[in-house]
N, C-alpha and C. Protein backbone atom coordinates (compact mmCIF):
# COMPACT_ATOMS: atom_id res chain seq x y z
N MET A 1 216.30 -8.08 45.47
CA MET A 1 215.00 -8.83 45.06
C MET A 1 214.68 -8.75 43.84
N THR A 2 214.87 -10.06 42.76
CA THR A 2 214.52 -9.76 41.56
C THR A 2 213.17 -10.12 41.01
N PRO A 3 212.41 -9.15 40.05
CA PRO A 3 211.41 -9.60 39.47
C PRO A 3 211.02 -10.95 39.29
N PRO A 4 209.83 -11.57 39.19
CA PRO A 4 209.21 -12.63 39.04
C PRO A 4 209.73 -13.00 37.44
N ASP A 5 210.18 -14.00 37.18
CA ASP A 5 209.85 -14.33 35.62
C ASP A 5 208.74 -14.15 35.15
N PHE A 6 208.72 -13.41 34.01
CA PHE A 6 206.88 -13.80 33.66
C PHE A 6 206.58 -14.93 32.99
N LYS A 7 207.35 -15.92 32.46
CA LYS A 7 207.12 -17.33 32.00
C LYS A 7 206.58 -17.93 32.97
N ASP A 8 207.16 -17.94 34.13
CA ASP A 8 206.98 -18.82 35.28
C ASP A 8 205.61 -18.29 36.03
N LEU A 9 205.25 -17.02 35.94
CA LEU A 9 204.11 -16.29 36.55
C LEU A 9 203.21 -16.78 35.37
N LEU A 10 203.46 -16.65 34.30
CA LEU A 10 201.88 -17.22 33.52
C LEU A 10 201.64 -18.73 33.43
N SER A 11 202.99 -19.58 33.55
CA SER A 11 202.99 -20.85 33.89
C SER A 11 202.05 -21.11 35.29
N LYS A 12 202.30 -20.51 36.35
CA LYS A 12 201.76 -20.49 37.83
C LYS A 12 200.04 -20.13 37.61
N ALA A 13 199.72 -18.91 36.59
CA ALA A 13 198.50 -18.66 36.56
C ALA A 13 197.83 -20.02 35.54
N GLN A 14 198.34 -20.32 34.55
CA GLN A 14 197.57 -21.32 34.04
C GLN A 14 197.74 -22.76 34.78
N GLN A 15 198.10 -23.07 35.95
CA GLN A 15 198.21 -24.40 36.89
C GLN A 15 196.79 -23.67 37.20
N MET A 16 196.75 -22.48 37.97
CA MET A 16 195.85 -21.83 39.21
C MET A 16 194.79 -21.99 38.37
N GLN A 17 194.47 -21.77 36.66
CA GLN A 17 193.07 -21.90 35.61
C GLN A 17 192.60 -23.25 36.52
N GLY A 18 193.96 -24.11 35.46
CA GLY A 18 193.38 -25.49 35.71
C GLY A 18 192.91 -26.06 37.20
N ARG A 19 193.82 -26.03 38.20
CA ARG A 19 192.86 -26.54 39.43
C ARG A 19 192.05 -25.55 40.00
N LEU A 20 191.41 -24.42 39.35
CA LEU A 20 190.68 -23.87 39.82
C LEU A 20 189.43 -24.41 39.56
N ALA A 21 189.09 -25.14 37.72
CA ALA A 21 187.90 -25.51 37.26
C ALA A 21 187.79 -26.82 38.22
N ASP A 22 188.90 -27.83 38.26
CA ASP A 22 188.62 -28.81 39.39
C ASP A 22 188.17 -28.74 40.29
N MET A 23 188.69 -27.63 41.03
CA MET A 23 187.94 -27.17 42.72
C MET A 23 186.46 -26.90 42.34
N GLN A 24 186.22 -26.21 41.55
CA GLN A 24 184.37 -25.77 41.47
C GLN A 24 183.31 -27.10 40.74
N ARG A 25 184.42 -28.00 40.09
CA ARG A 25 183.67 -28.90 39.79
C ARG A 25 183.91 -29.82 41.19
N GLU A 26 184.47 -29.66 42.07
CA GLU A 26 184.53 -30.95 43.48
C GLU A 26 183.61 -29.81 44.24
N LEU A 27 183.64 -28.88 44.38
CA LEU A 27 182.45 -28.48 45.22
C LEU A 27 181.32 -28.36 44.81
N ALA A 28 180.88 -28.60 43.56
CA ALA A 28 179.97 -28.77 42.94
C ALA A 28 179.04 -29.41 43.18
N ALA A 29 179.92 -31.04 43.55
CA ALA A 29 179.66 -32.06 43.99
C ALA A 29 179.46 -32.74 45.64
N ARG A 30 180.06 -31.75 46.16
CA ARG A 30 180.33 -31.42 47.81
C ARG A 30 178.80 -31.06 48.47
N ARG A 31 178.42 -31.59 49.32
CA ARG A 31 176.87 -31.52 50.18
C ARG A 31 177.71 -30.60 51.60
N PHE A 32 176.84 -29.76 52.10
CA PHE A 32 177.00 -29.08 53.04
C PHE A 32 175.56 -28.92 53.80
N GLU A 33 175.52 -28.82 55.28
CA GLU A 33 174.37 -29.32 55.83
C GLU A 33 174.61 -28.20 56.71
N GLY A 34 173.24 -27.58 56.93
CA GLY A 34 173.03 -27.00 58.25
C GLY A 34 171.39 -27.23 58.60
N SER A 35 171.43 -26.67 60.23
CA SER A 35 169.95 -26.99 60.80
C SER A 35 169.59 -26.08 61.73
N ALA A 36 168.18 -25.99 62.21
CA ALA A 36 167.77 -25.07 63.27
C ALA A 36 166.80 -26.12 64.06
N GLY A 37 166.53 -25.42 64.98
CA GLY A 37 165.50 -26.49 66.19
C GLY A 37 166.25 -27.21 66.75
N GLY A 38 167.68 -27.54 66.92
CA GLY A 38 167.71 -28.35 67.38
C GLY A 38 167.60 -29.81 66.52
N GLY A 39 168.03 -29.56 65.28
CA GLY A 39 167.94 -30.63 64.42
C GLY A 39 166.56 -30.81 63.66
N MET A 40 165.42 -30.35 64.08
CA MET A 40 164.33 -30.31 63.71
C MET A 40 164.47 -30.13 62.11
N VAL A 41 164.89 -29.06 61.60
CA VAL A 41 164.80 -29.00 60.52
C VAL A 41 165.80 -28.68 59.88
N THR A 42 166.98 -29.71 59.21
CA THR A 42 167.86 -29.81 58.07
C THR A 42 167.78 -29.02 56.82
N ALA A 43 168.55 -28.17 56.40
CA ALA A 43 168.59 -28.03 54.94
C ALA A 43 170.37 -28.55 54.29
N VAL A 44 170.45 -28.54 53.54
CA VAL A 44 171.62 -29.36 52.35
C VAL A 44 171.85 -28.35 51.19
N ALA A 45 172.89 -27.98 50.94
CA ALA A 45 173.33 -26.89 50.16
C ALA A 45 174.58 -27.72 49.08
N SER A 46 174.53 -27.40 48.22
CA SER A 46 175.69 -27.84 47.35
C SER A 46 176.96 -26.74 47.46
N GLY A 47 178.07 -27.28 46.79
CA GLY A 47 179.29 -25.82 47.04
C GLY A 47 178.83 -24.98 45.72
N GLU A 48 177.69 -24.88 45.27
CA GLU A 48 177.54 -24.14 44.30
C GLU A 48 176.49 -22.94 44.73
N LEU A 49 176.36 -23.31 46.06
CA LEU A 49 175.21 -22.72 47.17
C LEU A 49 174.08 -22.52 46.22
N ARG A 50 173.49 -23.85 46.14
CA ARG A 50 172.22 -24.32 45.85
C ARG A 50 171.99 -25.19 46.69
N VAL A 51 170.24 -24.63 47.30
CA VAL A 51 169.75 -25.69 48.06
C VAL A 51 169.29 -26.87 47.45
N VAL A 52 169.83 -28.28 48.05
CA VAL A 52 169.27 -29.05 47.39
C VAL A 52 168.38 -30.38 47.97
N GLU A 53 168.13 -29.98 49.19
CA GLU A 53 167.11 -30.61 50.01
C GLU A 53 166.96 -30.46 51.37
N ILE A 54 165.79 -30.29 51.72
CA ILE A 54 164.99 -29.75 52.92
C ILE A 54 164.53 -31.09 53.73
N HIS A 55 164.92 -31.25 55.20
CA HIS A 55 163.97 -32.46 55.97
C HIS A 55 163.37 -31.78 56.73
N ILE A 56 162.40 -32.06 57.22
CA ILE A 56 161.31 -31.36 58.33
C ILE A 56 161.00 -32.80 58.74
N GLU A 57 161.35 -32.77 60.67
CA GLU A 57 160.77 -33.92 61.29
C GLU A 57 159.22 -33.82 61.28
N PRO A 58 158.86 -35.06 61.24
CA PRO A 58 156.88 -35.15 61.15
C PRO A 58 156.38 -34.75 62.53
N GLY A 59 157.30 -34.60 63.51
CA GLY A 59 156.37 -33.85 64.74
C GLY A 59 156.38 -32.77 64.76
N LEU A 60 157.24 -31.89 63.74
CA LEU A 60 157.09 -30.03 63.64
C LEU A 60 156.08 -30.00 62.87
N VAL A 61 155.78 -30.93 61.65
CA VAL A 61 154.52 -30.47 60.83
C VAL A 61 153.03 -30.70 61.45
N SER A 62 153.24 -32.06 62.07
CA SER A 62 151.95 -32.40 63.39
C SER A 62 151.25 -31.21 63.88
N GLY A 63 152.60 -30.47 64.58
CA GLY A 63 152.17 -29.54 65.17
C GLY A 63 151.41 -28.09 64.85
N GLY A 64 151.81 -28.10 63.56
CA GLY A 64 150.86 -27.12 62.72
C GLY A 64 151.03 -25.54 62.93
N ASP A 65 152.28 -25.28 63.44
CA ASP A 65 152.75 -23.86 63.68
C ASP A 65 153.41 -23.61 62.75
N ARG A 66 153.15 -23.18 61.58
CA ARG A 66 153.44 -22.76 60.07
C ARG A 66 154.37 -21.41 60.08
N GLU A 67 154.47 -20.68 60.90
CA GLU A 67 155.37 -19.62 61.32
C GLU A 67 156.49 -20.08 61.76
N MET A 68 156.61 -21.06 62.85
CA MET A 68 157.64 -21.54 63.26
C MET A 68 158.52 -22.21 62.07
N ILE A 69 157.94 -23.26 61.43
CA ILE A 69 158.40 -24.24 60.24
C ILE A 69 158.95 -23.38 59.23
N GLN A 70 158.51 -21.94 58.88
CA GLN A 70 158.92 -21.28 58.00
C GLN A 70 160.06 -20.45 58.85
N ASP A 71 160.21 -20.06 59.79
CA ASP A 71 161.25 -19.26 60.21
C ASP A 71 162.56 -20.69 60.54
N LEU A 72 162.46 -21.70 61.16
CA LEU A 72 163.12 -22.68 61.28
C LEU A 72 163.75 -23.51 59.72
N CYS A 73 162.82 -23.07 58.41
CA CYS A 73 163.41 -23.58 57.25
C CYS A 73 164.56 -22.44 57.10
N ALA A 74 164.34 -21.44 57.19
CA ALA A 74 165.05 -19.89 57.10
C ALA A 74 166.15 -20.34 57.53
N ALA A 75 166.36 -20.39 58.71
CA ALA A 75 167.69 -20.44 59.29
C ALA A 75 168.20 -21.49 59.40
N ALA A 76 167.69 -22.89 58.61
CA ALA A 76 168.32 -23.79 58.28
C ALA A 76 168.89 -23.71 57.12
N VAL A 77 168.43 -23.00 56.14
CA VAL A 77 168.99 -22.72 54.72
C VAL A 77 170.12 -21.62 55.17
N ASN A 78 169.85 -20.74 55.82
CA ASN A 78 170.84 -20.01 56.08
C ASN A 78 172.38 -20.74 56.38
N ALA A 79 172.04 -21.33 57.42
CA ALA A 79 173.21 -22.15 58.11
C ALA A 79 173.84 -23.10 56.99
N ALA A 80 173.27 -23.78 56.03
CA ALA A 80 173.41 -24.47 55.07
C ALA A 80 174.52 -23.61 53.97
N LEU A 81 173.98 -23.18 53.72
CA LEU A 81 174.79 -21.79 52.38
C LEU A 81 175.71 -21.11 53.36
N ALA A 82 175.62 -20.93 54.43
CA ALA A 82 177.16 -20.31 55.14
C ALA A 82 178.27 -21.25 55.26
N ASN A 83 177.53 -22.62 55.40
CA ASN A 83 178.64 -23.60 55.69
C ASN A 83 179.35 -24.11 54.55
N ALA A 84 178.97 -23.94 53.06
CA ALA A 84 178.63 -24.23 51.34
C ALA A 84 179.88 -22.85 51.54
N GLN A 85 179.60 -21.83 51.74
CA GLN A 85 180.61 -20.68 51.66
C GLN A 85 181.84 -20.69 52.41
N GLN A 86 181.92 -21.31 53.59
CA GLN A 86 182.84 -21.28 54.51
C GLN A 86 183.88 -22.52 53.83
N GLY A 87 183.02 -23.62 53.27
CA GLY A 87 183.70 -24.95 52.51
C GLY A 87 184.54 -24.24 51.43
N ALA A 88 184.06 -23.53 50.63
CA ALA A 88 184.35 -22.96 49.67
C ALA A 88 185.23 -21.68 49.58
N GLN A 89 185.45 -21.03 50.60
CA GLN A 89 186.20 -20.01 51.09
C GLN A 89 187.97 -21.06 51.24
N GLU A 90 187.65 -21.99 52.28
CA GLU A 90 189.02 -22.56 52.54
C GLU A 90 189.78 -23.46 51.66
N GLU A 91 188.58 -23.97 50.61
CA GLU A 91 189.27 -24.67 49.31
C GLU A 91 189.87 -23.47 48.50
N MET A 92 189.48 -22.26 48.20
CA MET A 92 190.57 -21.53 48.03
C MET A 92 191.38 -21.17 48.18
N GLN A 93 191.44 -20.86 49.46
CA GLN A 93 192.68 -20.59 50.05
C GLN A 93 193.93 -21.49 50.25
N ARG A 94 193.22 -22.63 50.18
CA ARG A 94 194.28 -23.94 49.76
C ARG A 94 195.13 -23.64 48.84
N LEU A 95 194.01 -23.71 47.71
CA LEU A 95 194.42 -23.42 46.29
C LEU A 95 195.68 -22.81 46.24
N THR A 96 195.08 -21.31 46.42
CA THR A 96 195.92 -19.91 46.05
C THR A 96 197.39 -20.08 46.67
N GLY A 97 197.28 -20.79 48.36
CA GLY A 97 198.32 -20.72 49.00
C GLY A 97 199.17 -21.83 48.46
N SER A 98 198.79 -22.99 47.90
CA SER A 98 199.66 -24.11 47.02
C SER A 98 200.63 -23.63 45.93
N LEU A 99 200.27 -22.50 45.49
CA LEU A 99 200.65 -21.99 44.15
C LEU A 99 201.68 -20.86 44.77
N GLY A 100 201.73 -20.48 45.32
CA GLY A 100 203.08 -19.66 45.48
C GLY A 100 202.77 -18.31 44.98
N ILE A 101 201.75 -17.82 44.75
CA ILE A 101 201.81 -16.79 43.95
C ILE A 101 201.54 -15.45 44.69
N PRO A 102 202.80 -14.49 44.79
CA PRO A 102 202.21 -13.04 45.73
C PRO A 102 200.87 -12.81 45.23
N GLY A 103 200.48 -12.28 46.33
CA GLY A 103 198.92 -11.66 46.55
C GLY A 103 197.66 -12.44 46.23
N LEU A 104 197.92 -13.34 45.94
CA LEU A 104 196.61 -14.66 45.69
C LEU A 104 195.87 -15.14 47.11
N GLY A 105 196.55 -14.77 47.87
CA GLY A 105 196.75 -15.57 49.30
C GLY A 105 194.96 -14.81 50.12
N GLY A 106 194.95 -13.90 50.06
CA GLY A 106 194.41 -12.84 50.39
C GLY A 106 192.75 -12.45 49.37
N LEU A 107 192.63 -13.34 48.98
CA LEU A 107 191.46 -13.34 47.98
C LEU A 107 190.35 -13.72 48.88
N GLY A 108 189.41 -13.15 48.71
CA GLY A 108 187.81 -13.18 49.37
C GLY A 108 186.76 -14.34 48.45
N GLY A 109 185.99 -14.91 49.58
CA GLY A 109 184.85 -15.66 48.79
C GLY A 109 185.71 -16.78 47.77
N PRO A 110 184.67 -17.64 47.68
CA PRO A 110 185.29 -19.22 46.57
C PRO A 110 185.47 -18.53 45.15
N PHE A 111 185.14 -17.23 44.43
CA PHE A 111 185.86 -17.23 43.36
C PHE A 111 186.00 -16.24 43.13
N GLY A 112 186.86 -15.40 44.29
CA GLY A 112 188.06 -14.37 44.06
C GLY A 112 187.47 -13.19 45.16
N ALA A 113 187.49 -11.85 44.11
CA ALA A 113 187.24 -10.66 45.45
C ALA A 113 186.04 -10.41 45.22
N GLY A 114 185.20 -11.01 43.81
CA GLY A 114 184.14 -10.13 43.44
C GLY A 114 183.07 -11.21 43.85
N GLY A 115 183.28 -12.60 44.33
CA GLY A 115 182.25 -13.55 44.70
C GLY A 115 181.53 -13.92 43.20
N PRO A 116 180.62 -14.99 43.74
CA PRO A 116 180.08 -15.87 42.25
C PRO A 116 179.09 -14.83 41.04
């Protein structure tokens, strides 16, 4: 087996850098939902793992159970963030797999082994 050509590796690394920047911009624009309580609370997170919206069914608020609302909000936010992380991880795997650079297919998280 011959060692990879350094110029070829450098070229692929530069391609990946450009594609990674594109992917990060695309992820920032994507929205991921998570819900709790059978859809009574829905949270929307961006691909940058920022919560951008929370929807609470009016009937839940009129019930007045503050503790339950808080628990459902936390659960919905956590679900939305988990969906955003999953989406980012899938995009990263798709990106690194398409470049064919050995050793990159197993990167963890949306931004490499260390995360954001």
